[in-house]
Amino acid sequence: MRTLAAIFVILLVWSSGLLAFAARIDRSTPAADPPAADGIVALTGGSGERIAAGLGLLEAGKAKRMLISGVSRHVTRGELQTITGASKTVYDCCVDLGFEANNTLGNALETADWARSKGYATLILVTVDYHMPRARLELKSAMPEAQIIPYPVATPEVSAAGWWKTELGAQRMILEYSKYLAVLARETLLGLSPKPAPAAKHA
């Protein structure tokens, strides 16, 4: 009985945390107009919404430069510029591409390396809404000295307000919440922070 009671309590706490996590994400969009920062970083994903949002901020003068982190090695600068529809002038002038990251931890290390190489202390972080808590936590861990300004992008196909209504929404939210808890445990309970990556060149 005690074992069943303990399992029930754990499930209750986990479920309550999941609901609070989803509510937090739901409140995060639409994102407020961010203050100006030194740099912008947009994390790649399944769609171009993150990159488009980051480029919009860059063209609005919200930062000096922008890093697109986690770009596929099979994509060229020209191809990405065409895909995103970015202004060629702004793109050629002020956009850097990072090819080293293949997950969120890699994004954080790649971004920290880029920001430190530029001497940037304030960063606008652009990613989808449900990914923002974990991405921000990873970046803050990799670069604790920096000020991270979140700019979450809404994802209609995985609505934070009705995520439980579809199989895709439920899978995404539960998986992201679980990953967030794992990173939080690594930081707060184990005290482990990601090690800086070797300096990399950005295209």
C-alpha atoms as a PDB file:
ATOM      1  CA  MET A   1       0.000   0.000   0.000  1.00  0.00           C
ATOM      2  CA  ARG A   2       2.792   2.410   0.843  1.00  0.00           C
ATOM      3  CA  THR A   3       4.404   1.780  -2.531  1.00  0.00           C
ATOM      4  CA  LEU A   4       1.126   2.453  -4.339  1.00  0.00           C
ATOM      5  CA  ALA A   5       0.577   5.594  -2.284  1.00  0.00           C
ATOM      6  CA  ALA A   6       4.089   6.834  -3.116  1.00  0.00           C
ATOM      7  CA  ILE A   7       3.535   6.145  -6.829  1.00  0.00           C
ATOM      8  CA  PHE A   8       0.220   8.007  -6.698  1.00  0.00           C
ATOM      9  CA  VAL A   9       1.837  11.026  -5.034  1.00  0.00           C
ATOM     10  CA  ILE A  10       4.666  11.070  -7.589  1.00  0.00           C
ATOM     11  CA  LEU A  11       2.177  10.897 -10.468  1.00  0.00           C
ATOM     12  CA  LEU A  12       0.072  13.637  -8.901  1.00  0.00           C
ATOM     13  CA  VAL A  13       3.070  15.939  -8.488  1.00  0.00           C
ATOM     14  CA  TRP A  14       4.312  15.158 -12.013  1.00  0.00           C
ATOM     15  CA  SER A  15       0.871  15.796 -13.530  1.00  0.00           C
ATOM     16  CA  SER A  16       0.454  19.061 -11.628  1.00  0.00           C
ATOM     17  CA  GLY A  17       3.861  20.163 -12.854  1.00  0.00           C
ATOM     18  CA  LEU A  18       2.943  19.288 -16.441  1.00  0.00           C
ATOM     19  CA  LEU A  19      -0.217  21.398 -16.249  1.00  0.00           C
ATOM     20  CA  ALA A  20       1.720  24.319 -14.777  1.00  0.00           C
ATOM     21  CA  PHE A  21       4.389  23.929 -17.477  1.00  0.00           C
ATOM     22  CA  ALA A  22       1.771  24.008 -20.257  1.00  0.00           C
ATOM     23  CA  ALA A  23       0.024  27.016 -18.696  1.00  0.00           C
ATOM     24  CA  ARG A  24       3.343  28.864 -18.517  1.00  0.00           C
ATOM     25  CA  ILE A  25       3.927  28.210 -22.206  1.00  0.00           C
ATOM     26  CA  ASP A  26       0.403  29.289 -23.097  1.00  0.00           C
ATOM     27  CA  ARG A  27       0.962  32.636 -21.346  1.00  0.00           C
ATOM     28  CA  SER A  28       4.278  33.219 -23.118  1.00  0.00           C
ATOM     29  CA  THR A  29       2.808  34.005 -26.538  1.00  0.00           C
ATOM     30  CA  PRO A  30       2.374  36.277 -28.301  1.00  0.00           C
ATOM     31  CA  ALA A  31       5.813  37.433 -27.232  1.00  0.00           C
ATOM     32  CA  ALA A  32       6.239  40.998 -26.048  1.00  0.00           C
ATOM     33  CA  ASP A  33       8.399  43.359 -28.086  1.00  0.00           C
ATOM     34  CA  PRO A  34      11.895  42.660 -26.695  1.00  0.00           C
ATOM     35  CA  PRO A  35      14.377  45.347 -25.703  1.00  0.00           C
ATOM     36  CA  ALA A  36      17.441  45.821 -27.880  1.00  0.00           C
ATOM     37  CA  ALA A  37      20.247  43.336 -27.260  1.00  0.00           C
ATOM     38  CA  ASP A  38      23.756  42.649 -28.511  1.00  0.00           C
ATOM     39  CA  GLY A  39      22.805  39.554 -30.486  1.00  0.00           C
ATOM     40  CA  ILE A  40      19.949  37.306 -31.567  1.00  0.00           C
ATOM     41  CA  VAL A  41      20.064  33.522 -31.742  1.00  0.00           C
ATOM     42  CA  ALA A  42      17.422  31.506 -33.571  1.00  0.00           C
ATOM     43  CA  LEU A  43      17.356  27.745 -33.056  1.00  0.00           C
ATOM     44  CA  THR A  44      16.507  25.674 -36.112  1.00  0.00           C
ATOM     45  CA  GLY A  45      13.587  23.260 -36.035  1.00  0.00           C
ATOM     46  CA  GLY A  46      10.915  21.634 -38.121  1.00  0.00           C
ATOM     47  CA  SER A  47       9.769  24.882 -39.709  1.00  0.00           C
ATOM     48  CA  GLY A  48      11.228  28.243 -40.655  1.00  0.00           C
ATOM     49  CA  GLU A  49       9.086  30.226 -38.204  1.00  0.00           C
ATOM     50  CA  ARG A  50      11.900  30.603 -35.660  1.00  0.00           C
ATOM     51  CA  ILE A  51      14.370  31.868 -38.257  1.00  0.00           C
ATOM     52  CA  ALA A  52      11.800  34.201 -39.797  1.00  0.00           C
ATOM     53  CA  ALA A  53      10.985  35.658 -36.385  1.00  0.00           C
ATOM     54  CA  GLY A  54      14.664  36.172 -35.591  1.00  0.00           C
ATOM     55  CA  LEU A  55      15.314  37.845 -38.938  1.00  0.00           C
ATOM     56  CA  GLY A  56      12.340  40.116 -38.354  1.00  0.00           C
ATOM     57  CA  LEU A  57      13.875  41.261 -35.063  1.00  0.00           C
ATOM     58  CA  LEU A  58      17.261  41.772 -36.721  1.00  0.00           C
ATOM     59  CA  GLU A  59      15.749  43.845 -39.533  1.00  0.00           C
ATOM     60  CA  ALA A  60      13.904  45.883 -36.894  1.00  0.00           C
ATOM     61  CA  GLY A  61      17.252  46.830 -35.368  1.00  0.00           C
ATOM     62  CA  LYS A  62      16.877  44.782 -32.186  1.00  0.00           C
ATOM     63  CA  ALA A  63      20.496  43.529 -32.306  1.00  0.00           C
ATOM     64  CA  LYS A  64      23.816  43.874 -34.116  1.00  0.00           C
ATOM     65  CA  ARG A  65      24.050  40.317 -35.436  1.00  0.00           C
ATOM     66  CA  MET A  66      22.136  37.056 -35.493  1.00  0.00           C
ATOM     67  CA  LEU A  67      23.217  33.433 -35.192  1.00  0.00           C
ATOM     68  CA  ILE A  68      21.154  30.638 -36.712  1.00  0.00           C
ATOM     69  CA  SER A  69      22.206  27.643 -34.626  1.00  0.00           C
ATOM     70  CA  GLY A  70      21.928  24.020 -35.682  1.00  0.00           C
ATOM     71  CA  VAL A  71      21.953  24.504 -39.454  1.00  0.00           C
ATOM     72  CA  SER A  72      22.242  21.315 -41.507  1.00  0.00           C
ATOM     73  CA  ARG A  73      25.632  20.881 -43.145  1.00  0.00           C
ATOM     74  CA  HIS A  74      23.808  20.160 -46.395  1.00  0.00           C
ATOM     75  CA  VAL A  75      22.360  23.688 -46.528  1.00  0.00           C
ATOM     76  CA  THR A  76      24.369  26.564 -47.994  1.00  0.00           C
ATOM     77  CA  ARG A  77      24.144  30.229 -47.034  1.00  0.00           C
ATOM     78  CA  GLY A  78      22.479  31.054 -50.312  1.00  0.00           C
ATOM     79  CA  GLU A  79      19.898  28.299 -49.979  1.00  0.00           C
ATOM     80  CA  LEU A  80      18.970  29.354 -46.455  1.00  0.00           C
ATOM     81  CA  GLN A  81      18.635  32.982 -47.520  1.00  0.00           C
ATOM     82  CA  THR A  82      16.296  31.956 -50.314  1.00  0.00           C
ATOM     83  CA  ILE A  83      14.247  29.647 -48.087  1.00  0.00           C
ATOM     84  CA  THR A  84      13.755  32.299 -45.395  1.00  0.00           C
ATOM     85  CA  GLY A  85      13.155  35.146 -47.818  1.00  0.00           C
ATOM     86  CA  ALA A  86      15.511  37.332 -45.787  1.00  0.00           C
ATOM     87  CA  SER A  87      16.738  40.675 -47.035  1.00  0.00           C
ATOM     88  CA  LYS A  88      20.006  39.887 -48.831  1.00  0.00           C
ATOM     89  CA  THR A  89      21.603  43.072 -47.526  1.00  0.00           C
ATOM     90  CA  VAL A  90      20.865  42.264 -43.882  1.00  0.00           C
ATOM     91  CA  TYR A  91      21.543  38.550 -44.359  1.00  0.00           C
ATOM     92  CA  ASP A  92      24.972  39.060 -45.948  1.00  0.00           C
ATOM     93  CA  CYS A  93      25.901  41.718 -43.432  1.00  0.00           C
ATOM     94  CA  CYS A  94      24.768  40.405 -40.120  1.00  0.00           C
ATOM     95  CA  VAL A  95      23.760  36.715 -40.095  1.00  0.00           C
ATOM     96  CA  ASP A  96      26.075  33.919 -38.972  1.00  0.00           C
ATOM     97  CA  LEU A  97      25.355  30.217 -39.394  1.00  0.00           C
ATOM     98  CA  GLY A  98      26.275  27.559 -36.857  1.00  0.00           C
ATOM     99  CA  PHE A  99      26.673  23.994 -38.126  1.00  0.00           C
ATOM    100  CA  GLU A 100      27.924  22.230 -34.983  1.00  0.00           C
ATOM    101  CA  ALA A 101      24.752  21.764 -32.930  1.00  0.00           C
ATOM    102  CA  ASN A 102      22.420  18.797 -33.333  1.00  0.00           C
ATOM    103  CA  ASN A 103      20.411  19.156 -30.100  1.00  0.00           C
ATOM    104  CA  THR A 104      19.453  21.805 -27.535  1.00  0.00           C
ATOM    105  CA  LEU A 105      22.612  21.373 -25.474  1.00  0.00           C
ATOM    106  CA  GLY A 106      24.630  21.759 -28.659  1.00  0.00           C
ATOM    107  CA  ASN A 107      22.666  24.911 -29.502  1.00  0.00           C
ATOM    108  CA  ALA A 108      23.522  26.362 -26.104  1.00  0.00           C
ATOM    109  CA  LEU A 109      27.243  25.598 -26.395  1.00  0.00           C
ATOM    110  CA  GLU A 110      27.402  26.870 -29.973  1.00  0.00           C
ATOM    111  CA  THR A 111      25.584  30.067 -28.998  1.00  0.00           C
ATOM    112  CA  ALA A 112      27.805  30.671 -25.969  1.00  0.00           C
ATOM    113  CA  ASP A 113      30.924  30.247 -28.112  1.00  0.00           C
ATOM    114  CA  TRP A 114      29.562  32.670 -30.728  1.00  0.00           C
ATOM    115  CA  ALA A 115      28.430  35.277 -28.192  1.00  0.00           C
ATOM    116  CA  ARG A 116      31.717  35.246 -26.288  1.00  0.00           C
ATOM    117  CA  SER A 117      33.697  35.554 -29.513  1.00  0.00           C
ATOM    118  CA  LYS A 118      31.700  38.720 -30.269  1.00  0.00           C
ATOM    119  CA  GLY A 119      31.809  40.071 -26.725  1.00  0.00           C
ATOM    120  CA  TYR A 120      28.008  39.948 -26.437  1.00  0.00           C
ATOM    121  CA  ALA A 121      26.423  40.097 -22.992  1.00  0.00           C
ATOM    122  CA  THR A 122      22.725  40.268 -23.928  1.00  0.00           C
ATOM    123  CA  LEU A 123      20.988  37.812 -26.258  1.00  0.00           C
ATOM    124  CA  ILE A 124      17.473  37.477 -27.634  1.00  0.00           C
ATOM    125  CA  LEU A 125      16.679  33.768 -27.795  1.00  0.00           C
ATOM    126  CA  VAL A 126      14.182  32.727 -30.478  1.00  0.00           C
ATOM    127  CA  THR A 127      12.607  29.277 -30.503  1.00  0.00           C
ATOM    128  CA  VAL A 128       9.125  27.745 -30.403  1.00  0.00           C
ATOM    129  CA  ASP A 129       7.074  28.319 -27.270  1.00  0.00           C
ATOM    130  CA  TYR A 130       7.096  24.789 -25.820  1.00  0.00           C
ATOM    131  CA  HIS A 131      10.879  24.530 -26.342  1.00  0.00           C
ATOM    132  CA  MET A 132      11.722  27.889 -24.763  1.00  0.00           C
ATOM    133  CA  PRO A 133      11.939  26.857 -21.048  1.00  0.00           C
ATOM    134  CA  ARG A 134      14.502  24.120 -21.745  1.00  0.00           C
ATOM    135  CA  ALA A 135      16.426  26.119 -24.351  1.00  0.00           C
ATOM    136  CA  ARG A 136      16.686  29.096 -22.021  1.00  0.00           C
ATOM    137  CA  LEU A 137      17.812  26.899 -19.135  1.00  0.00           C
ATOM    138  CA  GLU A 138      20.494  25.246 -21.276  1.00  0.00           C
ATOM    139  CA  LEU A 139      21.777  28.577 -22.607  1.00  0.00           C
ATOM    140  CA  LYS A 140      21.845  30.177 -19.159  1.00  0.00           C
ATOM    141  CA  SER A 141      23.795  27.179 -17.878  1.00  0.00           C
ATOM    142  CA  ALA A 142      26.314  27.406 -20.732  1.00  0.00           C
ATOM    143  CA  MET A 143      26.609  31.187 -20.419  1.00  0.00           C
ATOM    144  CA  PRO A 144      25.616  32.254 -16.881  1.00  0.00           C
ATOM    145  CA  GLU A 145      27.116  35.708 -17.290  1.00  0.00           C
ATOM    146  CA  ALA A 146      24.714  36.631 -20.113  1.00  0.00           C
ATOM    147  CA  GLN A 147      21.259  38.153 -19.993  1.00  0.00           C
ATOM    148  CA  ILE A 148      18.888  35.928 -21.977  1.00  0.00           C
ATOM    149  CA  ILE A 149      15.754  37.581 -23.369  1.00  0.00           C
ATOM    150  CA  PRO A 150      13.172  34.978 -24.491  1.00  0.00           C
ATOM    151  CA  TYR A 151      11.201  35.484 -27.685  1.00  0.00           C
ATOM    152  CA  PRO A 152       8.945  32.419 -28.012  1.00  0.00           C
ATOM    153  CA  VAL A 153       7.171  31.682 -31.284  1.00  0.00           C
ATOM    154  CA  ALA A 154       3.691  30.148 -31.102  1.00  0.00           C
ATOM    155  CA  THR A 155       3.122  26.735 -32.675  1.00  0.00           C
ATOM    156  CA  PRO A 156      -0.505  26.354 -33.823  1.00  0.00           C
ATOM    157  CA  GLU A 157      -0.075  22.623 -34.544  1.00  0.00           C
ATOM    158  CA  VAL A 158       0.909  22.064 -30.885  1.00  0.00           C
ATOM    159  CA  SER A 159      -1.310  24.591 -29.155  1.00  0.00           C
ATOM    160  CA  ALA A 160      -0.283  25.162 -25.557  1.00  0.00           C
ATOM    161  CA  ALA A 161      -3.918  25.970 -24.758  1.00  0.00           C
ATOM    162  CA  GLY A 162      -5.271  22.664 -26.105  1.00  0.00           C
ATOM    163  CA  TRP A 163      -2.258  20.375 -26.292  1.00  0.00           C
ATOM    164  CA  TRP A 164      -4.148  17.421 -24.799  1.00  0.00           C
ATOM    165  CA  LYS A 165      -6.711  17.428 -27.640  1.00  0.00           C
ATOM    166  CA  THR A 166      -4.400  15.841 -30.208  1.00  0.00           C
ATOM    167  CA  GLU A 167      -1.958  12.966 -30.055  1.00  0.00           C
ATOM    168  CA  LEU A 168       0.818  15.136 -31.509  1.00  0.00           C
ATOM    169  CA  GLY A 169       0.199  17.910 -29.004  1.00  0.00           C
ATOM    170  CA  ALA A 170       0.189  15.527 -26.045  1.00  0.00           C
ATOM    171  CA  GLN A 171       3.351  13.763 -27.205  1.00  0.00           C
ATOM    172  CA  ARG A 172       5.231  17.019 -27.763  1.00  0.00           C
ATOM    173  CA  MET A 173       4.200  18.601 -24.465  1.00  0.00           C
ATOM    174  CA  ILE A 174       4.858  15.525 -22.321  1.00  0.00           C
ATOM    175  CA  LEU A 175       8.212  14.849 -23.984  1.00  0.00           C
ATOM    176  CA  GLU A 176       9.319  18.468 -23.675  1.00  0.00           C
ATOM    177  CA  TYR A 177       8.250  18.645 -20.038  1.00  0.00           C
ATOM    178  CA  SER A 178      10.184  15.454 -19.289  1.00  0.00           C
ATOM    179  CA  LYS A 179      13.307  16.801 -21.011  1.00  0.00           C
ATOM    180  CA  TYR A 180      12.964  20.071 -19.113  1.00  0.00           C
ATOM    181  CA  LEU A 181      12.798  18.200 -15.806  1.00  0.00           C
ATOM    182  CA  ALA A 182      15.914  16.231 -16.752  1.00  0.00           C
ATOM    183  CA  VAL A 183      17.890  19.427 -17.437  1.00  0.00           C
ATOM    184  CA  LEU A 184      16.550  21.019 -14.249  1.00  0.00           C
ATOM    185  CA  ALA A 185      17.632  17.980 -12.228  1.00  0.00           C
ATOM    186  CA  ARG A 186      21.079  18.033 -13.825  1.00  0.00           C
ATOM    187  CA  GLU A 187      21.516  21.671 -12.856  1.00  0.00           C
ATOM    188  CA  THR A 188      19.927  21.827  -9.417  1.00  0.00           C
ATOM    189  CA  LEU A 189      20.396  18.333  -7.994  1.00  0.00           C
ATOM    190  CA  LEU A 190      23.594  17.135  -9.639  1.00  0.00           C
ATOM    191  CA  GLY A 191      25.182  20.549 -10.129  1.00  0.00           C
ATOM    192  CA  LEU A 192      26.429  19.600 -13.579  1.00  0.00           C
ATOM    193  CA  SER A 193      26.803  22.308 -16.193  1.00  0.00           C
ATOM    194  CA  PRO A 194      27.643  21.757 -19.869  1.00  0.00           C
ATOM    195  CA  LYS A 195      31.289  22.162 -20.768  1.00  0.00           C
ATOM    196  CA  PRO A 196      32.184  24.896 -23.262  1.00  0.00           C
ATOM    197  CA  ALA A 197      32.656  23.637 -26.776  1.00  0.00           C
ATOM    198  CA  PRO A 198      35.899  24.242 -28.629  1.00  0.00           C
ATOM    199  CA  ALA A 199      35.872  27.488 -30.573  1.00  0.00           C
ATOM    200  CA  ALA A 200      34.157  26.996 -33.923  1.00  0.00           C
ATOM    201  CA  LYS A 201      34.014  29.107 -37.050  1.00  0.00           C
ATOM    202  CA  HIS A 202      30.648  30.456 -38.075  1.00  0.00           C
ATOM    203  CA  ALA A 203      29.764  30.899 -41.710  1.00  0.00           C
END
